[in-house]
PDB file of N, CA and C in Angstrom:
ATOM      1  N   MET A   1     -46.717 -78.158 -25.512  1.00  0.00           N
ATOM      2  CA  MET A   1     -45.357 -77.980 -25.261  1.00  0.00           C
ATOM      3  C   MET A   1     -45.550 -77.271 -23.731  1.00  0.00           C
ATOM      4  N   ALA A   2     -44.093 -78.087 -22.829  1.00  0.00           N
ATOM      5  CA  ALA A   2     -44.035 -77.507 -21.514  1.00  0.00           C
ATOM      6  C   ALA A   2     -42.948 -76.375 -21.649  1.00  0.00           C
ATOM      7  N   ALA A   3     -43.297 -75.714 -20.768  1.00  0.00           N
ATOM      8  CA  ALA A   3     -42.420 -74.196 -20.283  1.00  0.00           C
ATOM      9  C   ALA A   3     -41.133 -74.655 -20.068  1.00  0.00           C
ATOM     10  N   LYS A   4     -40.053 -74.106 -19.861  1.00  0.00           N
ATOM     11  CA  LYS A   4     -38.449 -74.435 -18.895  1.00  0.00           C
ATOM     12  C   LYS A   4     -39.095 -73.558 -18.183  1.00  0.00           C
ATOM     13  N   LYS A   5     -38.400 -74.416 -17.519  1.00  0.00           N
ATOM     14  CA  LYS A   5     -37.980 -74.405 -15.574  1.00  0.00           C
ATOM     15  C   LYS A   5     -37.246 -72.856 -15.880  1.00  0.00           C
ATOM     16  N   THR A   6     -37.288 -72.155 -14.739  1.00  0.00           N
ATOM     17  CA  THR A   6     -36.118 -71.018 -15.003  1.00  0.00           C
ATOM     18  C   THR A   6     -35.823 -70.674 -13.570  1.00  0.00           C
ATOM     19  N   ILE A   7     -34.699 -70.160 -13.258  1.00  0.00           N
ATOM     20  CA  ILE A   7     -34.187 -69.515 -12.040  1.00  0.00           C
ATOM     21  C   ILE A   7     -33.833 -68.367 -11.751  1.00  0.00           C
ATOM     22  N   LYS A   8     -34.453 -67.634 -10.481  1.00  0.00           N
ATOM     23  CA  LYS A   8     -33.687 -66.362 -10.494  1.00  0.00           C
ATOM     24  C   LYS A   8     -32.906 -66.053 -10.028  1.00  0.00           C
ATOM     25  N   LEU A   9     -31.467 -65.716 -10.049  1.00  0.00           N
ATOM     26  CA  LEU A   9     -30.476 -65.482  -8.895  1.00  0.00           C
ATOM     27  C   LEU A   9     -29.904 -64.187  -9.071  1.00  0.00           C
ATOM     28  N   VAL A  10     -29.667 -64.021  -7.488  1.00  0.00           N
ATOM     29  CA  VAL A  10     -29.631 -62.047  -7.174  1.00  0.00           C
ATOM     30  C   VAL A  10     -27.853 -62.368  -6.486  1.00  0.00           C
ATOM     31  N   GLN A  11     -27.106 -62.055  -6.607  1.00  0.00           N
ATOM     32  CA  GLN A  11     -25.738 -61.875  -6.179  1.00  0.00           C
ATOM     33  C   GLN A  11     -25.779 -61.131  -4.893  1.00  0.00           C
ATOM     34  N   VAL A  12     -25.619 -61.612  -3.891  1.00  0.00           N
ATOM     35  CA  VAL A  12     -25.195 -61.002  -2.659  1.00  0.00           C
ATOM     36  C   VAL A  12     -23.799 -60.797  -1.919  1.00  0.00           C
ATOM     37  N   GLY A  13     -22.915 -61.322  -2.683  1.00  0.00           N
ATOM     38  CA  GLY A  13     -21.823 -61.519  -2.094  1.00  0.00           C
ATOM     39  C   GLY A  13     -20.780 -60.808  -3.430  1.00  0.00           C
ATOM     40  N   SER A  14     -19.705 -60.179  -2.616  1.00  0.00           N
ATOM     41  CA  SER A  14     -18.987 -59.329  -3.664  1.00  0.00           C
ATOM     42  C   SER A  14     -18.032 -60.406  -3.985  1.00  0.00           C
ATOM     43  N   PRO A  15     -17.223 -60.389  -5.284  1.00  0.00           N
ATOM     44  CA  PRO A  15     -16.064 -61.000  -5.751  1.00  0.00           C
ATOM     45  C   PRO A  15     -14.857 -60.863  -5.253  1.00  0.00           C
ATOM     46  N   ILE A  16     -14.485 -59.887  -4.474  1.00  0.00           N
ATOM     47  CA  ILE A  16     -13.242 -59.080  -4.186  1.00  0.00           C
ATOM     48  C   ILE A  16     -12.878 -59.992  -3.528  1.00  0.00           C
ATOM     49  N   GLY A  17     -11.269 -60.564  -3.987  1.00  0.00           N
ATOM     50  CA  GLY A  17     -10.979 -61.548  -2.608  1.00  0.00           C
ATOM     51  C   GLY A  17     -10.949 -62.873  -2.962  1.00  0.00           C
ATOM     52  N   ARG A  18     -11.818 -63.344  -3.911  1.00  0.00           N
ATOM     53  CA  ARG A  18     -12.351 -64.487  -4.384  1.00  0.00           C
ATOM     54  C   ARG A  18     -11.524 -65.358  -5.120  1.00  0.00           C
ATOM     55  N   PRO A  19     -11.413 -66.370  -5.320  1.00  0.00           N
ATOM     56  CA  PRO A  19     -10.708 -67.165  -6.446  1.00  0.00           C
ATOM     57  C   PRO A  19     -11.093 -66.565  -7.637  1.00  0.00           C
ATOM     58  N   LYS A  20     -10.065 -66.696  -8.577  1.00  0.00           N
ATOM     59  CA  LYS A  20     -10.568 -66.346 -10.108  1.00  0.00           C
ATOM     60  C   LYS A  20     -11.423 -67.535 -10.747  1.00  0.00           C
ATOM     61  N   GLU A  21     -11.585 -68.781 -10.166  1.00  0.00           N
ATOM     62  CA  GLU A  21     -12.293 -69.625 -10.943  1.00  0.00           C
ATOM     63  C   GLU A  21     -13.715 -68.986 -10.317  1.00  0.00           C
ATOM     64  N   GLN A  22     -14.130 -68.536  -8.983  1.00  0.00           N
ATOM     65  CA  GLN A  22     -15.214 -68.594  -8.755  1.00  0.00           C
ATOM     66  C   GLN A  22     -15.966 -67.174  -9.268  1.00  0.00           C
ATOM     67  N   ARG A  23     -14.736 -66.305  -9.467  1.00  0.00           N
ATOM     68  CA  ARG A  23     -15.242 -65.138 -10.271  1.00  0.00           C
ATOM     69  C   ARG A  23     -15.294 -65.244 -11.606  1.00  0.00           C
ATOM     70  N   ALA A  24     -14.739 -66.292 -12.416  1.00  0.00           N
ATOM     71  CA  ALA A  24     -15.175 -66.674 -13.870  1.00  0.00           C
ATOM     72  C   ALA A  24     -16.744 -67.153 -13.834  1.00  0.00           C
ATOM     73  N   VAL A  25     -17.061 -67.772 -12.750  1.00  0.00           N
ATOM     74  CA  VAL A  25     -18.470 -69.089 -12.648  1.00  0.00           C
ATOM     75  C   VAL A  25     -19.630 -67.420 -12.736  1.00  0.00           C
ATOM     76  N   LEU A  26     -19.407 -66.614 -11.560  1.00  0.00           N
ATOM     77  CA  LEU A  26     -20.143 -65.869 -11.474  1.00  0.00           C
ATOM     78  C   LEU A  26     -20.282 -64.831 -13.105  1.00  0.00           C
ATOM     79  N   ILE A  27     -19.191 -64.640 -13.536  1.00  0.00           N
ATOM     80  CA  ILE A  27     -19.545 -63.918 -15.230  1.00  0.00           C
ATOM     81  C   ILE A  27     -20.042 -65.060 -15.874  1.00  0.00           C
ATOM     82  N   GLY A  28     -20.096 -66.127 -16.300  1.00  0.00           N
ATOM     83  CA  GLY A  28     -20.846 -67.120 -16.506  1.00  0.00           C
ATOM     84  C   GLY A  28     -22.013 -66.909 -16.173  1.00  0.00           C
ATOM     85  N   LEU A  29     -22.114 -66.662 -15.011  1.00  0.00           N
ATOM     86  CA  LEU A  29     -23.709 -66.697 -14.422  1.00  0.00           C
ATOM     87  C   LEU A  29     -24.414 -65.526 -15.036  1.00  0.00           C
ATOM     88  N   GLY A  30     -24.149 -64.500 -15.798  1.00  0.00           N
ATOM     89  CA  GLY A  30     -24.421 -62.980 -16.201  1.00  0.00           C
ATOM     90  C   GLY A  30     -24.411 -62.255 -14.946  1.00  0.00           C
ATOM     91  N   LEU A  31     -23.581 -62.736 -13.793  1.00  0.00           N
ATOM     92  CA  LEU A  31     -23.393 -61.815 -12.363  1.00  0.00           C
ATOM     93  C   LEU A  31     -22.172 -61.301 -12.378  1.00  0.00           C
ATOM     94  N   ASN A  32     -21.642 -59.904 -12.018  1.00  0.00           N
ATOM     95  CA  ASN A  32     -20.315 -59.174 -11.868  1.00  0.00           C
ATOM     96  C   ASN A  32     -20.406 -58.303 -10.936  1.00  0.00           C
ATOM     97  N   LYS A  33     -21.572 -58.022 -10.173  1.00  0.00           N
ATOM     98  CA  LYS A  33     -21.793 -56.758  -9.262  1.00  0.00           C
ATOM     99  C   LYS A  33     -22.909 -57.078  -8.400  1.00  0.00           C
ATOM    100  N   MET A  34     -22.678 -56.684  -7.335  1.00  0.00           N
ATOM    101  CA  MET A  34     -23.717 -56.771  -5.934  1.00  0.00           C
ATOM    102  C   MET A  34     -24.932 -56.181  -6.625  1.00  0.00           C
ATOM    103  N   GLY A  35     -26.235 -56.908  -6.019  1.00  0.00           N
ATOM    104  CA  GLY A  35     -27.221 -56.766  -6.477  1.00  0.00           C
ATOM    105  C   GLY A  35     -28.121 -57.206  -7.752  1.00  0.00           C
ATOM    106  N   ARG A  36     -27.092 -57.807  -8.591  1.00  0.00           N
ATOM    107  CA  ARG A  36     -27.525 -57.827 -10.197  1.00  0.00           C
ATOM    108  C   ARG A  36     -28.497 -59.386 -10.464  1.00  0.00           C
ATOM    109  N   VAL A  37     -29.444 -59.275 -10.778  1.00  0.00           N
ATOM    110  CA  VAL A  37     -30.180 -60.062 -11.361  1.00  0.00           C
ATOM    111  C   VAL A  37     -30.160 -61.487 -12.531  1.00  0.00           C
ATOM    112  N   SER A  38     -29.850 -62.106 -12.465  1.00  0.00           N
ATOM    113  CA  SER A  38     -30.084 -62.912 -13.594  1.00  0.00           C
ATOM    114  C   SER A  38     -31.207 -64.245 -13.472  1.00  0.00           C
ATOM    115  N   VAL A  39     -31.897 -64.360 -14.849  1.00  0.00           N
ATOM    116  CA  VAL A  39     -32.512 -65.387 -14.928  1.00  0.00           C
ATOM    117  C   VAL A  39     -32.395 -66.828 -16.231  1.00  0.00           C
ATOM    118  N   LEU A  40     -31.970 -67.704 -15.234  1.00  0.00           N
ATOM    119  CA  LEU A  40     -31.394 -68.596 -16.182  1.00  0.00           C
ATOM    120  C   LEU A  40     -32.281 -69.621 -16.400  1.00  0.00           C
ATOM    121  N   GLU A  41     -32.155 -70.847 -17.521  1.00  0.00           N
ATOM    122  CA  GLU A  41     -32.757 -72.087 -17.643  1.00  0.00           C
ATOM    123  C   GLU A  41     -32.230 -72.847 -16.472  1.00  0.00           C
ATOM    124  N   ASP A  42     -33.410 -73.892 -15.996  1.00  0.00           N
ATOM    125  CA  ASP A  42     -32.605 -74.076 -14.660  1.00  0.00           C
ATOM    126  C   ASP A  42     -32.347 -75.801 -15.177  1.00  0.00           C
ATOM    127  N   THR A  43     -30.956 -76.011 -15.663  1.00  0.00           N
ATOM    128  CA  THR A  43     -30.366 -77.033 -16.045  1.00  0.00           C
ATOM    129  C   THR A  43     -29.647 -78.000 -14.855  1.00  0.00           C
ATOM    130  N   PRO A  44     -28.878 -78.561 -15.106  1.00  0.00           N
ATOM    131  CA  PRO A  44     -27.838 -79.429 -14.428  1.00  0.00           C
ATOM    132  C   PRO A  44     -26.769 -78.790 -13.833  1.00  0.00           C
ATOM    133  N   SER A  45     -26.222 -78.056 -15.418  1.00  0.00           N
ATOM    134  CA  SER A  45     -25.119 -77.464 -15.198  1.00  0.00           C
ATOM    135  C   SER A  45     -25.433 -76.156 -14.776  1.00  0.00           C
ATOM    136  N   ILE A  46     -26.053 -75.590 -15.086  1.00  0.00           N
ATOM    137  CA  ILE A  46     -26.464 -74.103 -14.158  1.00  0.00           C
ATOM    138  C   ILE A  46     -26.553 -73.973 -12.842  1.00  0.00           C
ATOM    139  N   ARG A  47     -26.971 -75.320 -12.301  1.00  0.00           N
ATOM    140  CA  ARG A  47     -27.324 -75.806 -10.642  1.00  0.00           C
ATOM    141  C   ARG A  47     -25.859 -75.852 -10.253  1.00  0.00           C
ATOM    142  N   GLY A  48     -25.459 -76.448 -11.384  1.00  0.00           N
ATOM    143  CA  GLY A  48     -23.647 -76.785 -10.872  1.00  0.00           C
ATOM    144  C   GLY A  48     -22.954 -75.743 -10.354  1.00  0.00           C
ATOM    145  N   MET A  49     -23.149 -74.188 -11.400  1.00  0.00           N
ATOM    146  CA  MET A  49     -22.302 -73.585 -11.459  1.00  0.00           C
ATOM    147  C   MET A  49     -22.770 -72.712 -10.260  1.00  0.00           C
ATOM    148  N   VAL A  50     -24.073 -72.710  -9.698  1.00  0.00           N
ATOM    149  CA  VAL A  50     -24.577 -71.844  -8.774  1.00  0.00           C
ATOM    150  C   VAL A  50     -24.204 -72.837  -7.349  1.00  0.00           C
ATOM    151  N   GLN A  51     -23.631 -73.819  -7.335  1.00  0.00           N
ATOM    152  CA  GLN A  51     -23.435 -74.823  -5.816  1.00  0.00           C
ATOM    153  C   GLN A  51     -21.972 -73.946  -5.600  1.00  0.00           C
ATOM    154  N   LYS A  52     -21.500 -73.788  -6.939  1.00  0.00           N
ATOM    155  CA  LYS A  52     -19.824 -73.558  -6.497  1.00  0.00           C
ATOM    156  C   LYS A  52     -19.559 -72.184  -5.954  1.00  0.00           C
ATOM    157  N   VAL A  53     -20.564 -71.321  -5.985  1.00  0.00           N
ATOM    158  CA  VAL A  53     -20.504 -70.066  -5.737  1.00  0.00           C
ATOM    159  C   VAL A  53     -21.866 -69.492  -4.759  1.00  0.00           C
ATOM    160  N   SER A  54     -22.488 -70.682  -4.373  1.00  0.00           N
ATOM    161  CA  SER A  54     -23.799 -70.340  -3.444  1.00  0.00           C
ATOM    162  C   SER A  54     -23.706 -69.907  -2.205  1.00  0.00           C
ATOM    163  N   HIS A  55     -22.215 -69.430  -1.596  1.00  0.00           N
ATOM    164  CA  HIS A  55     -22.246 -68.306  -0.870  1.00  0.00           C
ATOM    165  C   HIS A  55     -22.303 -66.995  -1.604  1.00  0.00           C
ATOM    166  N   LEU A  56     -22.215 -66.958  -2.675  1.00  0.00           N
ATOM    167  CA  LEU A  56     -22.016 -65.383  -3.323  1.00  0.00           C
ATOM    168  C   LEU A  56     -23.682 -64.964  -3.764  1.00  0.00           C
ATOM    169  N   VAL A  57     -24.578 -65.839  -4.235  1.00  0.00           N
ATOM    170  CA  VAL A  57     -25.792 -65.972  -4.598  1.00  0.00           C
ATOM    171  C   VAL A  57     -27.478 -66.160  -3.893  1.00  0.00           C
ATOM    172  N   ARG A  58     -27.950 -65.694  -4.425  1.00  0.00           N
ATOM    173  CA  ARG A  58     -29.193 -66.518  -3.916  1.00  0.00           C
ATOM    174  C   ARG A  58     -30.213 -66.642  -4.522  1.00  0.00           C
ATOM    175  N   ILE A  59     -31.071 -67.801  -4.662  1.00  0.00           N
ATOM    176  CA  ILE A  59     -32.054 -68.288  -5.660  1.00  0.00           C
ATOM    177  C   ILE A  59     -33.154 -67.630  -5.289  1.00  0.00           C
ATOM    178  N   GLU A  60     -33.942 -67.249  -6.120  1.00  0.00           N
ATOM    179  CA  GLU A  60     -35.458 -67.094  -5.957  1.00  0.00           C
ATOM    180  C   GLU A  60     -35.956 -67.256  -6.925  1.00  0.00           C
ATOM    181  N   GLU A  61     -36.868 -68.260  -7.014  1.00  0.00           N
ATOM    182  CA  GLU A  61     -37.629 -69.461  -7.937  1.00  0.00           C
ATOM    183  C   GLU A  61     -39.609 -68.982  -8.120  1.00  0.00           C
TER     184      GLU A  61
END
């Protein structure tokens, strides 16, 4: 069985002053404070969420 790919996200930007949609995406990714780290399965839906807040997160693969 193949191991599932994961991506590691680190929040580097603050959600203060951002639209509600971007804050909701961060919460959906398991992030809400600067410096938080979340390890998620690498799926197209997660990649789409990351793309919406790419200016607030850093991907470490």
